[in-house]
Protein backbone atom coordinates (compact mmCIF):
# COMPACT_ATOMS: atom_id res chain seq x y z
CA MET A 1 -4.62 16.75 29.80
CA ASP A 2 -1.84 17.61 32.12
CA GLY A 3 1.02 16.13 30.94
CA PHE A 4 0.71 16.65 27.49
CA PHE A 5 1.27 20.16 26.93
CA ASP A 6 3.97 20.38 29.68
CA ILE A 7 6.76 21.18 28.05
CA PRO A 8 9.81 20.97 30.47
CA SER A 9 12.39 24.25 30.53
CA ASP A 10 15.34 22.66 29.10
CA LEU A 11 14.13 22.75 25.86
CA GLN A 12 13.70 26.67 26.21
CA HIS A 13 10.65 26.82 23.89
CA SER A 14 7.09 26.20 24.58
CA TYR A 15 4.09 24.08 22.87
CA ALA A 16 3.81 26.79 20.11
CA GLY A 17 7.28 27.63 19.86
CA LEU A 18 8.30 24.13 19.15
CA ILE A 19 5.03 24.17 16.03
CA GLY A 20 7.00 27.13 14.90
CA ILE A 21 10.73 25.69 14.97
CA HIS A 22 9.11 22.88 13.17
CA LEU A 23 6.99 24.29 10.08
CA GLN A 24 10.28 26.06 9.63
CA GLU A 25 12.60 23.58 9.35
CA ALA A 26 9.99 21.63 7.30
CA LEU A 27 8.88 24.18 4.68
CA VAL A 28 12.05 26.32 4.37
CA PRO A 29 13.78 23.46 2.73
CA VAL A 30 10.76 22.29 0.45
CA LEU A 31 10.53 25.88 -0.64
CA VAL A 32 14.47 26.36 -1.54
CA GLY A 33 13.98 22.79 -3.29
CA LEU A 34 11.41 24.02 -5.47
CA LEU A 35 13.29 26.94 -6.61
CA LEU A 36 16.30 24.48 -7.57
CA ALA A 37 13.88 21.84 -9.22
CA LEU A 38 12.29 24.95 -11.48
CA PRO A 39 15.44 25.67 -13.84
CA ILE A 40 16.72 22.13 -12.95
CA GLY A 41 13.59 20.31 -14.40
CA LEU A 42 13.50 23.24 -17.13
CA LEU A 43 17.27 21.89 -18.50
CA CYS A 44 15.86 18.20 -17.86
CA VAL A 45 13.10 19.02 -20.35
CA ARG A 46 14.85 20.96 -23.01
CA HIS A 47 17.98 18.77 -22.90
CA ASP A 48 16.65 14.99 -22.25
CA TRP A 49 20.12 13.19 -21.71
CA LEU A 50 20.44 15.09 -18.62
CA TYR A 51 17.45 13.63 -16.88
CA PRO A 52 18.79 10.55 -16.21
CA PRO A 53 21.73 11.24 -14.43
CA VAL A 54 19.80 13.95 -12.49
CA LEU A 55 17.26 11.90 -11.41
CA TRP A 56 20.30 9.41 -10.21
CA GLY A 57 21.86 11.45 -8.69
CA SER A 58 19.26 12.93 -6.32
CA THR A 59 18.21 9.10 -5.89
CA VAL A 60 21.10 8.68 -3.96
CA LEU A 61 21.34 11.71 -1.71
CA TYR A 62 17.66 10.27 -1.14
CA ALA A 63 19.25 7.42 0.01
CA ILE A 64 21.66 8.45 2.08
CA PRO A 65 20.73 8.58 6.07
CA SER A 66 19.98 11.93 7.43
CA ILE A 67 22.15 10.65 10.17
CA ALA A 68 25.18 10.75 8.20
CA PHE A 69 24.40 13.67 6.56
CA PHE A 70 24.20 15.23 10.15
CA VAL A 71 27.75 14.02 10.83
CA VAL A 72 29.21 15.43 7.80
CA LEU A 73 27.74 19.16 8.13
CA ILE A 74 28.50 19.36 11.59
CA ASP A 75 31.92 20.72 11.19
CA TYR A 76 30.85 23.42 8.68
CA THR A 77 27.29 24.60 10.03
CA GLY A 78 27.47 23.59 13.52
CA LEU A 79 24.90 22.21 15.87
CA THR A 80 22.23 24.57 14.01
CA GLN A 81 18.72 24.26 11.73
CA LEU A 82 20.95 24.62 9.16
CA THR A 83 22.37 20.95 9.53
CA VAL A 84 18.78 19.91 9.57
CA MET A 85 17.06 21.71 6.87
CA ILE A 86 20.59 21.06 3.91
CA PRO A 87 19.76 16.99 4.42
CA LEU A 88 15.76 17.46 3.50
CA CYS A 89 16.31 20.64 0.49
CA LEU A 90 17.94 17.84 -1.26
CA TYR A 91 15.75 15.11 -0.44
CA SER A 92 12.75 17.01 -2.04
CA LEU A 93 14.50 17.76 -4.78
CA VAL A 94 13.76 13.73 -5.91
CA VAL A 95 10.32 14.00 -5.76
CA LEU A 96 10.54 17.63 -7.09
CA VAL A 97 12.52 17.64 -10.20
CA PRO A 98 10.08 14.85 -11.74
CA ALA A 99 6.84 16.39 -11.08
CA VAL A 100 8.21 19.34 -12.62
CA VAL A 101 9.69 17.35 -15.90
CA ASP A 102 6.01 15.41 -15.72
CA GLY A 103 4.06 18.46 -15.47
CA ILE A 104 6.45 20.33 -18.65
CA ARG A 105 6.08 17.30 -20.47
CA SER A 106 1.95 17.42 -20.18
CA VAL A 107 1.90 20.82 -21.52
CA PRO A 108 0.59 20.16 -25.56
CA GLU A 109 3.02 20.94 -28.16
CA GLU A 110 -0.13 22.86 -29.95
CA THR A 111 0.06 25.01 -26.94
CA ASN A 112 4.10 26.30 -27.37
CA ALA A 113 3.82 26.39 -30.88
CA ALA A 114 1.15 28.91 -30.56
CA ALA A 115 3.07 30.55 -28.13
CA SER A 116 6.23 30.63 -30.44
CA ALA A 117 4.29 31.77 -32.88
CA MET A 118 2.93 34.97 -30.91
CA GLY A 119 6.55 35.67 -30.76
CA ILE A 120 7.17 34.64 -26.66
CA GLY A 121 10.37 34.01 -25.54
CA LEU A 122 11.38 30.83 -23.95
CA ALA A 123 11.95 32.71 -20.42
CA ARG A 124 8.62 33.90 -20.96
CA ARG A 125 7.27 30.68 -22.40
CA TYR A 126 7.89 29.01 -19.55
CA LEU A 127 6.89 31.26 -16.81
CA GLN A 128 3.50 32.63 -18.34
CA VAL A 129 2.56 29.52 -20.31
CA GLN A 130 3.99 26.04 -19.52
CA LEU A 131 4.41 26.63 -15.69
CA PRO A 132 0.62 27.50 -15.16
CA ILE A 133 -0.36 24.67 -17.37
CA ALA A 134 2.01 22.03 -15.05
CA VAL A 135 1.21 23.40 -11.87
CA PRO A 136 -1.23 20.21 -11.23
CA ALA A 137 1.81 18.16 -11.22
CA ILE A 138 4.19 20.59 -9.24
CA MET A 139 1.64 20.44 -6.45
CA ALA A 140 1.09 17.01 -6.64
CA GLY A 141 4.99 16.10 -6.11
CA LEU A 142 4.94 19.10 -3.43
CA ARG A 143 2.55 17.98 -1.24
CA VAL A 144 4.46 14.73 -1.14
CA ALA A 145 7.60 16.84 -0.67
CA VAL A 146 6.52 18.48 2.31
CA ALA A 147 4.67 15.40 3.72
CA SER A 148 7.69 13.62 3.49
CA SER A 149 9.81 16.91 5.26
CA ILE A 150 7.25 17.74 8.01
CA SER A 151 7.93 13.91 9.50
CA LEU A 152 11.67 13.87 9.03
CA VAL A 153 12.42 17.46 11.05
CA SER A 154 12.04 14.73 14.12
CA VAL A 155 15.47 13.45 13.54
CA GLY A 156 16.93 16.91 13.98
CA ALA A 157 16.50 16.26 17.97
CA LEU A 158 19.67 14.29 17.77
CA ILE A 159 21.78 16.70 17.31
CA GLY A 160 21.41 19.25 19.99
CA ASN A 161 17.41 19.83 20.26
CA GLN A 162 17.12 21.03 16.40
CA GLY A 163 14.07 18.52 15.67
CA GLY A 164 11.07 20.96 16.55
CA LEU A 165 8.36 18.45 18.28
CA GLY A 166 10.61 15.97 17.84
CA ASN A 167 12.44 17.32 20.58
CA LEU A 168 9.56 15.98 22.78
CA LEU A 169 10.48 12.31 21.85
CA THR A 170 13.95 12.31 23.61
CA THR A 171 12.84 14.66 26.33
CA ALA A 172 9.91 11.47 26.97
CA GLN A 173 12.42 9.17 26.70
CA LEU A 174 14.88 11.49 29.57
CA TYR A 175 12.05 12.21 32.15
CA GLY A 176 9.88 8.81 31.33
CA ARG A 177 7.00 10.79 30.31
CA PRO A 178 5.46 8.96 27.49
CA ARG A 179 2.72 11.66 27.56
CA LEU A 180 5.00 14.20 25.72
CA ALA A 181 6.04 11.44 22.70
CA VAL A 182 2.11 10.86 22.10
CA THR A 183 2.06 15.19 21.35
CA SER A 184 4.95 14.82 19.52
CA VAL A 185 2.87 12.33 17.24
CA VAL A 186 0.26 13.24 17.14
CA THR A 187 0.95 17.16 16.26
CA THR A 188 3.03 16.24 14.03
CA ALA A 189 0.34 14.15 12.06
CA LEU A 190 -2.28 17.29 12.42
CA LEU A 191 0.68 19.68 11.04
CA ALA A 192 1.16 17.35 8.07
CA ILE A 193 -2.63 16.96 7.47
CA VAL A 194 -3.88 20.81 7.90
CA ILE A 195 -0.35 22.09 5.43
CA ASP A 196 -1.74 19.15 2.82
CA ALA A 197 -5.05 20.78 3.21
CA LEU A 198 -3.69 24.01 2.69
CA LEU A 199 -1.77 22.76 -0.56
CA VAL A 200 -4.91 21.46 -2.03
CA LEU A 201 -6.91 24.74 -1.66
CA LEU A 202 -3.84 26.39 -3.05
CA ARG A 203 -3.65 23.99 -6.32
CA ARG A 204 -7.72 24.90 -6.66
CA VAL A 205 -6.71 28.84 -6.19
CA LEU A 206 -3.80 28.44 -9.11
CA THR A 207 -5.84 26.10 -11.74
CA PRO A 208 -9.68 27.56 -11.68
CA TRP A 209 -9.60 26.14 -15.29
CA GLU A 210 -9.69 22.84 -13.74
CA PRO A 211 -12.70 20.34 -13.68
CA PRO A 212 -14.83 20.29 -9.86
CA SER A 213 -14.44 17.53 -7.93
CA GLY A 214 -17.16 15.87 -6.05
CA ARG A 215 -20.21 13.61 -7.28
CA GLY A 216 -21.62 16.40 -9.41
CA ALA A 217 -18.54 16.06 -11.28
CA ARG A 218 -18.44 12.56 -12.07
CA ARG A 219 -21.94 12.45 -12.84
CA ARG A 220 -21.13 14.64 -15.68
CA ALA A 221 -18.01 13.32 -16.51
CA ASP A 222 -20.10 10.12 -17.22
CA GLY A 223 -22.50 11.60 -19.23
CA GLY A 224 -25.40 10.99 -17.08
CA ALA A 225 -28.63 12.29 -18.52
CA ASP A 226 -31.02 14.65 -16.95
CA PRO A 227 -33.58 13.65 -14.98
CA ALA A 228 -35.92 15.99 -16.51
CA ALA A 229 -35.50 15.31 -19.94
CA ALA A 230 -35.97 11.03 -18.77
CA ASP A 231 -38.95 11.84 -17.08
CA THR A 232 -40.28 14.73 -20.36
CA SER A 233 -39.55 11.53 -22.49
CA ALA A 234 -40.96 8.77 -20.44
CA ASP A 235 -44.42 10.56 -21.54
CA LEU A 236 -44.43 10.61 -24.91
CA PRO A 237 -46.59 8.13 -26.25
CA ALA A 238 -44.79 5.85 -28.23
CA ARG A 239 -44.59 5.88 -32.50
CA THR A 240 -45.86 3.03 -34.65
CA PRO A 241 -44.45 2.71 -37.89
CA GLU A 242 -46.41 3.33 -41.08
CA GLY A 243 -47.81 0.19 -42.54
CA VAL A 244 -47.68 -1.26 -39.50
CA SER A 245 -50.78 -2.18 -37.61
């Protein structure tokens, strides 16, 4: 394993330190993006005409290369982590806003009507009724946004070593040490897998009413009969209709 975790001193961080920076630069922008997407999504649901331009605008921002974003932001934020995190936050909106909108739209009208009849205001209805039901859709979008953000952080290595584990890619090329590139790619992939698994677990905690997954749930969904009942019915003698010999 020599060479895979031998981090050059000019990076000024250990292997664990690079992982911490990578997670910070990847997760903080998605969290901020989620906080922005929640009110934006609500507005888009309440005002249908607003959704197409918001979706178009977020898609246009996502189409802008991150390098172009960096060049524009460097004059204002310098060679800092903020220069990397601002584009990642904007990129996350293209996934999170539609996820929030779809989640809120999935709430049955009967549920909204019942909440309104109970005197629950708009704000409380959104926080206590609609958002809990929309959690599965929001978490699905959050998983995509997090995976994308974890991969895009590495581009920050092009501006003053602000790319977390991506810094190992440029260092591997600079010093001719391909093992560092392998360490960067494998660790980034493992981080994405681990964070995604944690988000799946969080979704199960937040939505305990969701049906369990697995072979047993699929069997029940298919309407499979109880084997014991089947065996019992098989042991019953056949009945002959009256009048038939």
